[in-house]
Amino acid sequence: MAIINFDANEFEPYSDFATLPIGEYIAVIAASEMKETKSGSGQYLELVFDIIEGEHTGRKLWERLNLVNTNVMTQEIAQKTLSSICRAINVMNPKMSEELHDIPVCVKVGIQPAKDGYDERNVIKGYKPATTTDPASTTADPAPPNAPWDPIYKKE
C-alpha cells in the first residue's frame, strides 16, 4: 500500500484512447521489463515507448519481443526487431534493457485492425534513427548513407 494524497477533482481524466494515425513519430523507450509468456514456456521483453514530439506527445506505444520462445521463428523475429532498435539508437551491445532508455528513435506506426473481440490498435512497424526538431533532445548518431537499415527498418 502507498500513501498518495491525490485529489482527482484537480485533473481532467485522460480519455483519448483512439489509435494514433499511421505515420512516423519520435519516441523514447521509457520503461522495459522481461515478462513470462501466458503459456509459461518463454519470456518477452516489453518496451514502453513515449512519444516526445508533435501533437501526440505523451502518448504511449508498446513493443513485446519474444526473446525466449519455443517457436524459433517467433524468437528470431524478436531478435531482429531488437537489432533494428539497437541500430536505430546506436546502442549495439546492451547488457541491460535500461541502456536503451531515453534515446530518441523514429518509430513507424501502423494500425492492426480489430479482431477476435479486440479493438483496432497501434503497432510499431519499424525503427530508424531519430531526427528531432527539439534542440534539447539528444539524438542518436545519424545512419551512414546507404546503411542496410536506411531509410526504415522493416519487420517481417
N, C-alpha and C. Protein backbone atom coordinates (compact mmCIF):
# COMPACT_ATOMS: atom_id res chain seq x y z
N MET A 1 0.85 -1.17 0.00
CA MET A 1 0.00 0.00 0.00
C MET A 1 0.90 1.23 0.00
N ALA A 2 0.46 2.29 -0.71
CA ALA A 2 1.23 3.52 -0.78
C ALA A 2 0.34 4.70 -0.45
N ILE A 3 0.85 5.65 0.31
CA ILE A 3 0.13 6.89 0.59
C ILE A 3 0.35 7.81 -0.61
N ILE A 4 -0.74 8.27 -1.26
CA ILE A 4 -0.58 9.09 -2.46
C ILE A 4 -1.16 10.49 -2.34
N ASN A 5 -2.06 10.74 -1.38
CA ASN A 5 -2.63 12.08 -1.19
C ASN A 5 -3.00 12.74 -2.51
N PHE A 6 -3.87 12.12 -3.28
CA PHE A 6 -4.24 12.59 -4.62
C PHE A 6 -5.69 13.05 -4.62
N ASP A 7 -6.00 14.12 -5.35
CA ASP A 7 -7.36 14.61 -5.50
C ASP A 7 -7.72 14.60 -6.97
N ALA A 8 -8.52 13.65 -7.42
CA ALA A 8 -8.90 13.50 -8.83
C ALA A 8 -9.71 14.69 -9.33
N ASN A 9 -10.28 15.47 -8.43
CA ASN A 9 -11.03 16.67 -8.84
C ASN A 9 -10.13 17.74 -9.45
N GLU A 10 -8.85 17.65 -9.21
CA GLU A 10 -7.91 18.66 -9.71
C GLU A 10 -7.47 18.43 -11.15
N PHE A 11 -7.82 17.29 -11.72
CA PHE A 11 -7.35 16.93 -13.06
C PHE A 11 -8.48 16.40 -13.91
N GLU A 12 -8.45 16.74 -15.19
CA GLU A 12 -9.37 16.13 -16.14
C GLU A 12 -8.90 14.70 -16.39
N PRO A 13 -9.81 13.75 -16.47
CA PRO A 13 -9.36 12.38 -16.75
C PRO A 13 -8.83 12.25 -18.18
N TYR A 14 -7.88 11.37 -18.35
CA TYR A 14 -7.36 11.08 -19.68
C TYR A 14 -8.37 10.19 -20.37
N SER A 15 -8.85 10.61 -21.52
CA SER A 15 -9.91 9.83 -22.15
C SER A 15 -9.65 9.51 -23.62
N ASP A 16 -8.52 9.93 -24.17
CA ASP A 16 -8.26 9.71 -25.59
C ASP A 16 -7.53 8.39 -25.79
N PHE A 17 -8.30 7.34 -26.05
CA PHE A 17 -7.70 6.04 -26.30
C PHE A 17 -7.77 5.66 -27.77
N ALA A 18 -8.07 6.64 -28.62
CA ALA A 18 -8.13 6.38 -30.05
C ALA A 18 -6.74 6.01 -30.55
N THR A 19 -6.70 5.21 -31.61
CA THR A 19 -5.41 4.85 -32.20
C THR A 19 -4.76 6.08 -32.80
N LEU A 20 -3.46 6.09 -32.79
CA LEU A 20 -2.71 7.16 -33.43
C LEU A 20 -2.82 7.01 -34.94
N PRO A 21 -2.76 8.10 -35.68
CA PRO A 21 -2.74 7.99 -37.14
C PRO A 21 -1.48 7.26 -37.60
N ILE A 22 -1.59 6.55 -38.71
CA ILE A 22 -0.43 5.90 -39.31
C ILE A 22 0.61 6.97 -39.63
N GLY A 23 1.87 6.70 -39.30
CA GLY A 23 2.92 7.66 -39.59
C GLY A 23 4.17 7.39 -38.78
N GLU A 24 5.07 8.34 -38.82
CA GLU A 24 6.33 8.24 -38.08
C GLU A 24 6.30 9.22 -36.92
N TYR A 25 6.82 8.78 -35.77
CA TYR A 25 6.82 9.57 -34.55
C TYR A 25 8.19 9.45 -33.87
N ILE A 26 8.60 10.53 -33.22
CA ILE A 26 9.83 10.50 -32.42
C ILE A 26 9.43 10.06 -31.02
N ALA A 27 10.10 9.02 -30.54
CA ALA A 27 9.75 8.44 -29.24
C ALA A 27 11.02 8.01 -28.52
N VAL A 28 10.87 7.71 -27.25
CA VAL A 28 11.94 7.12 -26.45
C VAL A 28 11.39 5.91 -25.72
N ILE A 29 12.26 4.96 -25.44
CA ILE A 29 11.87 3.84 -24.59
C ILE A 29 11.90 4.38 -23.17
N ALA A 30 10.76 4.38 -22.51
CA ALA A 30 10.64 4.94 -21.17
C ALA A 30 10.69 3.86 -20.09
N ALA A 31 10.36 2.63 -20.45
CA ALA A 31 10.35 1.53 -19.49
C ALA A 31 10.56 0.22 -20.23
N SER A 32 11.10 -0.75 -19.51
CA SER A 32 11.30 -2.07 -20.10
C SER A 32 11.27 -3.11 -18.99
N GLU A 33 10.78 -4.29 -19.35
CA GLU A 33 10.68 -5.35 -18.36
C GLU A 33 10.57 -6.70 -19.06
N MET A 34 11.30 -7.69 -18.54
CA MET A 34 11.14 -9.07 -19.03
C MET A 34 9.94 -9.66 -18.31
N LYS A 35 9.04 -10.30 -19.08
CA LYS A 35 7.85 -10.91 -18.52
C LYS A 35 7.72 -12.33 -19.04
N GLU A 36 7.03 -13.15 -18.27
CA GLU A 36 6.77 -14.52 -18.68
C GLU A 36 5.59 -14.55 -19.64
N THR A 37 5.67 -15.41 -20.65
CA THR A 37 4.55 -15.55 -21.59
C THR A 37 3.37 -16.21 -20.88
N LYS A 38 2.17 -16.05 -21.46
CA LYS A 38 0.97 -16.64 -20.86
C LYS A 38 1.13 -18.14 -20.66
N SER A 39 1.75 -18.80 -21.63
CA SER A 39 1.91 -20.25 -21.55
C SER A 39 2.94 -20.67 -20.51
N GLY A 40 3.79 -19.73 -20.11
CA GLY A 40 4.83 -20.05 -19.14
C GLY A 40 6.04 -20.70 -19.76
N SER A 41 6.05 -20.84 -21.08
CA SER A 41 7.16 -21.54 -21.74
C SER A 41 8.20 -20.59 -22.33
N GLY A 42 8.06 -19.31 -22.08
CA GLY A 42 9.02 -18.36 -22.63
C GLY A 42 8.96 -17.03 -21.91
N GLN A 43 9.72 -16.07 -22.44
CA GLN A 43 9.75 -14.74 -21.87
C GLN A 43 9.78 -13.72 -22.99
N TYR A 44 9.19 -12.55 -22.71
CA TYR A 44 9.23 -11.47 -23.68
C TYR A 44 9.71 -10.20 -23.00
N LEU A 45 10.39 -9.38 -23.79
CA LEU A 45 10.83 -8.07 -23.33
C LEU A 45 9.75 -7.08 -23.73
N GLU A 46 9.11 -6.46 -22.74
CA GLU A 46 8.11 -5.45 -23.02
C GLU A 46 8.77 -4.09 -22.96
N LEU A 47 8.66 -3.34 -24.06
CA LEU A 47 9.20 -1.98 -24.14
C LEU A 47 8.04 -1.01 -24.20
N VAL A 48 8.10 0.03 -23.39
CA VAL A 48 7.08 1.08 -23.41
C VAL A 48 7.72 2.32 -24.01
N PHE A 49 7.17 2.79 -25.12
CA PHE A 49 7.66 3.98 -25.80
C PHE A 49 6.78 5.16 -25.46
N ASP A 50 7.40 6.31 -25.20
CA ASP A 50 6.69 7.57 -25.03
C ASP A 50 6.98 8.44 -26.25
N ILE A 51 5.94 8.95 -26.89
CA ILE A 51 6.12 9.90 -27.99
C ILE A 51 6.55 11.22 -27.37
N ILE A 52 7.61 11.83 -27.92
CA ILE A 52 8.18 13.02 -27.29
C ILE A 52 8.07 14.28 -28.13
N GLU A 53 7.49 14.18 -29.33
CA GLU A 53 7.34 15.36 -30.19
C GLU A 53 5.99 15.35 -30.87
N GLY A 54 5.53 16.54 -31.21
CA GLY A 54 4.31 16.68 -32.00
C GLY A 54 3.05 16.67 -31.17
N GLU A 55 1.92 16.67 -31.87
CA GLU A 55 0.63 16.79 -31.19
C GLU A 55 0.28 15.58 -30.34
N HIS A 56 0.97 14.47 -30.53
CA HIS A 56 0.68 13.25 -29.75
C HIS A 56 1.71 13.02 -28.65
N THR A 57 2.45 14.07 -28.30
CA THR A 57 3.43 13.98 -27.21
C THR A 57 2.75 13.42 -25.96
N GLY A 58 3.43 12.46 -25.34
CA GLY A 58 2.91 11.86 -24.12
C GLY A 58 2.17 10.56 -24.35
N ARG A 59 1.75 10.29 -25.58
CA ARG A 59 1.09 9.01 -25.86
C ARG A 59 2.11 7.89 -25.78
N LYS A 60 1.61 6.69 -25.51
CA LYS A 60 2.47 5.53 -25.33
C LYS A 60 2.22 4.49 -26.41
N LEU A 61 3.27 3.75 -26.71
CA LEU A 61 3.21 2.60 -27.62
C LEU A 61 3.95 1.46 -26.93
N TRP A 62 3.57 0.23 -27.25
CA TRP A 62 4.21 -0.92 -26.64
C TRP A 62 4.77 -1.84 -27.72
N GLU A 63 5.91 -2.45 -27.38
CA GLU A 63 6.51 -3.48 -28.23
C GLU A 63 6.79 -4.66 -27.32
N ARG A 64 6.41 -5.83 -27.75
CA ARG A 64 6.67 -7.05 -26.98
C ARG A 64 7.51 -7.98 -27.83
N LEU A 65 8.71 -8.26 -27.36
CA LEU A 65 9.68 -9.06 -28.11
C LEU A 65 9.87 -10.41 -27.43
N ASN A 66 9.41 -11.47 -28.08
CA ASN A 66 9.52 -12.83 -27.54
C ASN A 66 10.94 -13.35 -27.70
N LEU A 67 11.81 -12.90 -26.82
CA LEU A 67 13.23 -13.25 -26.93
C LEU A 67 13.52 -14.68 -26.49
N VAL A 68 12.67 -15.25 -25.65
CA VAL A 68 12.82 -16.64 -25.23
C VAL A 68 11.51 -17.33 -25.57
N ASN A 69 11.53 -18.18 -26.61
CA ASN A 69 10.29 -18.78 -27.08
C ASN A 69 10.59 -20.14 -27.69
N THR A 70 9.67 -21.06 -27.53
CA THR A 70 9.87 -22.39 -28.11
C THR A 70 9.73 -22.37 -29.63
N ASN A 71 9.05 -21.35 -30.16
CA ASN A 71 8.92 -21.20 -31.61
C ASN A 71 10.14 -20.42 -32.10
N VAL A 72 11.00 -21.09 -32.85
CA VAL A 72 12.26 -20.50 -33.31
C VAL A 72 12.00 -19.26 -34.17
N MET A 73 11.00 -19.29 -35.05
CA MET A 73 10.72 -18.15 -35.92
C MET A 73 10.27 -16.93 -35.09
N THR A 74 9.42 -17.15 -34.11
CA THR A 74 8.96 -16.07 -33.23
C THR A 74 10.15 -15.43 -32.52
N GLN A 75 11.03 -16.25 -32.02
CA GLN A 75 12.22 -15.78 -31.32
C GLN A 75 13.13 -15.00 -32.27
N GLU A 76 13.30 -15.49 -33.49
CA GLU A 76 14.15 -14.81 -34.48
C GLU A 76 13.58 -13.45 -34.86
N ILE A 77 12.27 -13.36 -35.04
CA ILE A 77 11.64 -12.07 -35.35
C ILE A 77 11.91 -11.08 -34.23
N ALA A 78 11.80 -11.53 -32.98
CA ALA A 78 12.06 -10.65 -31.83
C ALA A 78 13.52 -10.19 -31.81
N GLN A 79 14.43 -11.10 -32.10
CA GLN A 79 15.86 -10.75 -32.11
C GLN A 79 16.16 -9.74 -33.22
N LYS A 80 15.57 -9.92 -34.39
CA LYS A 80 15.78 -8.99 -35.49
C LYS A 80 15.18 -7.62 -35.17
N THR A 81 14.03 -7.61 -34.53
CA THR A 81 13.41 -6.35 -34.15
C THR A 81 14.27 -5.62 -33.12
N LEU A 82 14.78 -6.34 -32.14
CA LEU A 82 15.67 -5.73 -31.15
C LEU A 82 16.93 -5.21 -31.82
N SER A 83 17.45 -5.92 -32.79
CA SER A 83 18.61 -5.45 -33.54
C SER A 83 18.28 -4.13 -34.27
N SER A 84 17.08 -4.04 -34.83
CA SER A 84 16.66 -2.80 -35.50
C SER A 84 16.62 -1.63 -34.53
N ILE A 85 16.10 -1.88 -33.34
CA ILE A 85 16.04 -0.83 -32.31
C ILE A 85 17.46 -0.42 -31.93
N CYS A 86 18.32 -1.39 -31.66
CA CYS A 86 19.70 -1.10 -31.25
C CYS A 86 20.43 -0.28 -32.32
N ARG A 87 20.27 -0.65 -33.57
CA ARG A 87 20.93 0.09 -34.66
C ARG A 87 20.36 1.51 -34.79
N ALA A 88 19.07 1.66 -34.60
CA ALA A 88 18.44 2.97 -34.75
C ALA A 88 18.88 3.94 -33.65
N ILE A 89 19.18 3.41 -32.47
CA ILE A 89 19.60 4.30 -31.37
C ILE A 89 21.10 4.22 -31.12
N ASN A 90 21.79 3.43 -31.93
CA ASN A 90 23.25 3.31 -31.86
C ASN A 90 23.74 2.78 -30.51
N VAL A 91 23.06 1.76 -30.02
CA VAL A 91 23.49 1.03 -28.82
C VAL A 91 23.57 -0.43 -29.27
N MET A 92 24.77 -0.84 -29.66
CA MET A 92 24.91 -2.12 -30.35
C MET A 92 25.05 -3.34 -29.43
N ASN A 93 25.50 -3.15 -28.19
CA ASN A 93 25.73 -4.29 -27.30
C ASN A 93 25.14 -4.07 -25.91
N PRO A 94 23.84 -3.84 -25.80
CA PRO A 94 23.30 -3.58 -24.47
C PRO A 94 23.35 -4.83 -23.59
N LYS A 95 23.73 -4.62 -22.36
CA LYS A 95 23.74 -5.72 -21.38
C LYS A 95 22.45 -5.70 -20.56
N MET A 96 21.90 -4.50 -20.37
CA MET A 96 20.67 -4.30 -19.62
C MET A 96 19.71 -3.50 -20.49
N SER A 97 18.42 -3.79 -20.40
CA SER A 97 17.45 -3.09 -21.24
C SER A 97 17.42 -1.59 -20.94
N GLU A 98 17.80 -1.18 -19.74
CA GLU A 98 17.81 0.24 -19.39
C GLU A 98 18.77 1.04 -20.25
N GLU A 99 19.75 0.39 -20.86
CA GLU A 99 20.68 1.08 -21.74
C GLU A 99 19.98 1.60 -23.00
N LEU A 100 18.78 1.11 -23.28
CA LEU A 100 18.01 1.53 -24.45
C LEU A 100 17.07 2.69 -24.13
N HIS A 101 16.96 3.03 -22.88
CA HIS A 101 16.00 4.06 -22.44
C HIS A 101 16.46 5.47 -22.81
N ASP A 102 15.46 6.33 -23.02
CA ASP A 102 15.65 7.78 -23.14
C ASP A 102 16.50 8.23 -24.32
N ILE A 103 16.61 7.41 -25.35
CA ILE A 103 17.33 7.78 -26.56
C ILE A 103 16.29 7.93 -27.68
N PRO A 104 16.16 9.11 -28.25
CA PRO A 104 15.14 9.30 -29.29
C PRO A 104 15.33 8.35 -30.48
N VAL A 105 14.20 7.86 -30.98
CA VAL A 105 14.17 6.97 -32.13
C VAL A 105 12.91 7.30 -32.92
N CYS A 106 12.98 7.15 -34.21
CA CYS A 106 11.81 7.35 -35.07
C CYS A 106 11.12 6.00 -35.21
N VAL A 107 9.85 5.94 -34.80
CA VAL A 107 9.07 4.71 -34.92
C VAL A 107 8.04 4.87 -36.01
N LYS A 108 7.93 3.86 -36.84
CA LYS A 108 6.91 3.83 -37.90
C LYS A 108 5.70 3.10 -37.32
N VAL A 109 4.57 3.80 -37.22
CA VAL A 109 3.39 3.26 -36.56
C VAL A 109 2.33 2.90 -37.58
N GLY A 110 1.77 1.71 -37.39
CA GLY A 110 0.66 1.26 -38.21
C GLY A 110 -0.54 0.94 -37.33
N ILE A 111 -1.58 0.43 -37.94
CA ILE A 111 -2.79 0.07 -37.19
C ILE A 111 -3.12 -1.39 -37.50
N GLN A 112 -3.29 -2.17 -36.44
CA GLN A 112 -3.76 -3.55 -36.60
C GLN A 112 -5.28 -3.51 -36.50
N PRO A 113 -5.97 -4.03 -37.51
CA PRO A 113 -7.44 -3.98 -37.49
C PRO A 113 -8.02 -4.75 -36.29
N ALA A 114 -9.24 -4.40 -35.93
CA ALA A 114 -9.94 -5.09 -34.85
C ALA A 114 -10.14 -6.56 -35.23
N LYS A 115 -9.98 -7.45 -34.24
CA LYS A 115 -10.23 -8.87 -34.48
C LYS A 115 -10.38 -9.60 -33.15
N ASP A 116 -11.04 -10.71 -33.19
CA ASP A 116 -11.22 -11.58 -32.02
C ASP A 116 -11.71 -10.82 -30.79
N GLY A 117 -12.62 -9.87 -30.99
CA GLY A 117 -13.19 -9.14 -29.87
C GLY A 117 -12.35 -7.99 -29.35
N TYR A 118 -11.19 -7.76 -29.96
CA TYR A 118 -10.33 -6.65 -29.56
C TYR A 118 -10.50 -5.49 -30.53
N ASP A 119 -10.43 -4.27 -30.02
CA ASP A 119 -10.49 -3.08 -30.87
C ASP A 119 -9.22 -2.99 -31.71
N GLU A 120 -9.26 -2.14 -32.76
CA GLU A 120 -8.04 -1.89 -33.51
C GLU A 120 -7.01 -1.29 -32.56
N ARG A 121 -5.74 -1.48 -32.90
CA ARG A 121 -4.69 -0.96 -32.03
C ARG A 121 -3.47 -0.58 -32.86
N ASN A 122 -2.64 0.26 -32.27
CA ASN A 122 -1.41 0.65 -32.94
C ASN A 122 -0.36 -0.44 -32.81
N VAL A 123 0.45 -0.58 -33.84
CA VAL A 123 1.59 -1.48 -33.83
C VAL A 123 2.78 -0.71 -34.39
N ILE A 124 3.95 -1.04 -33.88
CA ILE A 124 5.17 -0.43 -34.40
C ILE A 124 5.65 -1.31 -35.54
N LYS A 125 5.83 -0.70 -36.72
CA LYS A 125 6.20 -1.43 -37.92
C LYS A 125 7.69 -1.34 -38.24
N GLY A 126 8.39 -0.38 -37.64
CA GLY A 126 9.80 -0.24 -37.93
C GLY A 126 10.44 0.88 -37.13
N TYR A 127 11.76 0.93 -37.22
CA TYR A 127 12.57 1.89 -36.46
C TYR A 127 13.64 2.47 -37.36
N LYS A 128 13.98 3.73 -37.12
CA LYS A 128 15.14 4.35 -37.77
C LYS A 128 15.67 5.43 -36.85
N PRO A 129 16.90 5.88 -37.10
CA PRO A 129 17.45 6.94 -36.24
C PRO A 129 16.56 8.17 -36.25
N ALA A 130 16.49 8.80 -35.10
CA ALA A 130 15.64 9.99 -34.95
C ALA A 130 16.33 11.22 -35.50
N THR A 131 15.54 12.07 -36.08
CA THR A 131 15.96 13.43 -36.38
C THR A 131 14.91 14.28 -35.71
N THR A 132 15.28 14.94 -34.64
CA THR A 132 14.29 15.67 -33.86
C THR A 132 14.35 17.14 -34.19
N THR A 133 13.25 17.81 -33.95
CA THR A 133 13.21 19.25 -34.12
C THR A 133 13.41 19.95 -32.79
N ASP A 134 13.49 19.18 -31.72
CA ASP A 134 13.67 19.74 -30.38
C ASP A 134 15.15 19.83 -30.08
N PRO A 135 15.74 21.04 -30.00
CA PRO A 135 17.17 21.15 -29.76
C PRO A 135 17.59 20.62 -28.40
N ALA A 136 16.66 20.49 -27.46
CA ALA A 136 17.01 19.97 -26.13
C ALA A 136 17.13 18.45 -26.15
N SER A 137 16.57 17.81 -27.18
CA SER A 137 16.63 16.35 -27.26
C SER A 137 18.00 15.91 -27.73
N THR A 138 18.43 14.77 -27.19
CA THR A 138 19.65 14.17 -27.71
C THR A 138 19.24 13.22 -28.81
N THR A 139 20.04 13.12 -29.83
CA THR A 139 19.70 12.21 -30.92
C THR A 139 20.82 11.20 -31.11
N ALA A 140 20.44 10.06 -31.60
CA ALA A 140 21.43 9.05 -31.95
C ALA A 140 22.24 9.55 -33.14
N ASP A 141 23.44 9.01 -33.29
CA ASP A 141 24.25 9.39 -34.45
C ASP A 141 23.47 9.04 -35.71
N PRO A 142 23.52 9.90 -36.73
CA PRO A 142 22.77 9.60 -37.94
C PRO A 142 23.32 8.35 -38.62
N ALA A 143 22.45 7.65 -39.32
CA ALA A 143 22.87 6.46 -40.03
C ALA A 143 23.78 6.85 -41.19
N PRO A 144 24.82 6.06 -41.46
CA PRO A 144 25.65 6.37 -42.60
C PRO A 144 24.85 6.23 -43.89
N PRO A 145 25.22 6.96 -44.95
CA PRO A 145 24.48 6.84 -46.20
C PRO A 145 24.48 5.39 -46.69
N ASN A 146 23.38 4.98 -47.24
CA ASN A 146 23.22 3.64 -47.79
C ASN A 146 23.40 2.53 -46.76
N ALA A 147 23.11 2.86 -45.50
CA ALA A 147 23.17 1.83 -44.46
C ALA A 147 22.13 0.77 -44.74
N PRO A 148 22.36 -0.47 -44.34
CA PRO A 148 21.40 -1.53 -44.66
C PRO A 148 20.03 -1.28 -44.02
N TRP A 149 19.97 -0.46 -43.01
CA TRP A 149 18.69 -0.20 -42.34
C TRP A 149 18.07 1.12 -42.78
N ASP A 150 18.64 1.77 -43.78
CA ASP A 150 18.13 3.05 -44.26
C ASP A 150 17.13 2.78 -45.39
N PRO A 151 15.99 3.43 -45.52
CA PRO A 151 15.54 4.54 -44.70
C PRO A 151 14.68 4.08 -43.54
N ILE A 152 14.14 2.90 -43.53
CA ILE A 152 13.29 2.44 -42.42
C ILE A 152 13.54 0.96 -42.22
N TYR A 153 13.65 0.59 -40.96
CA TYR A 153 13.80 -0.82 -40.67
C TYR A 153 12.46 -1.50 -40.87
N LYS A 154 12.49 -2.67 -41.45
CA LYS A 154 11.23 -3.37 -41.69
C LYS A 154 11.17 -4.61 -40.83
N LYS A 155 10.00 -4.85 -40.28
CA LYS A 155 9.73 -6.09 -39.56
C LYS A 155 9.00 -7.01 -40.52
N GLU A 156 9.40 -8.22 -40.55
CA GLU A 156 8.78 -9.21 -41.45
C GLU A 156 7.46 -9.65 -40.88
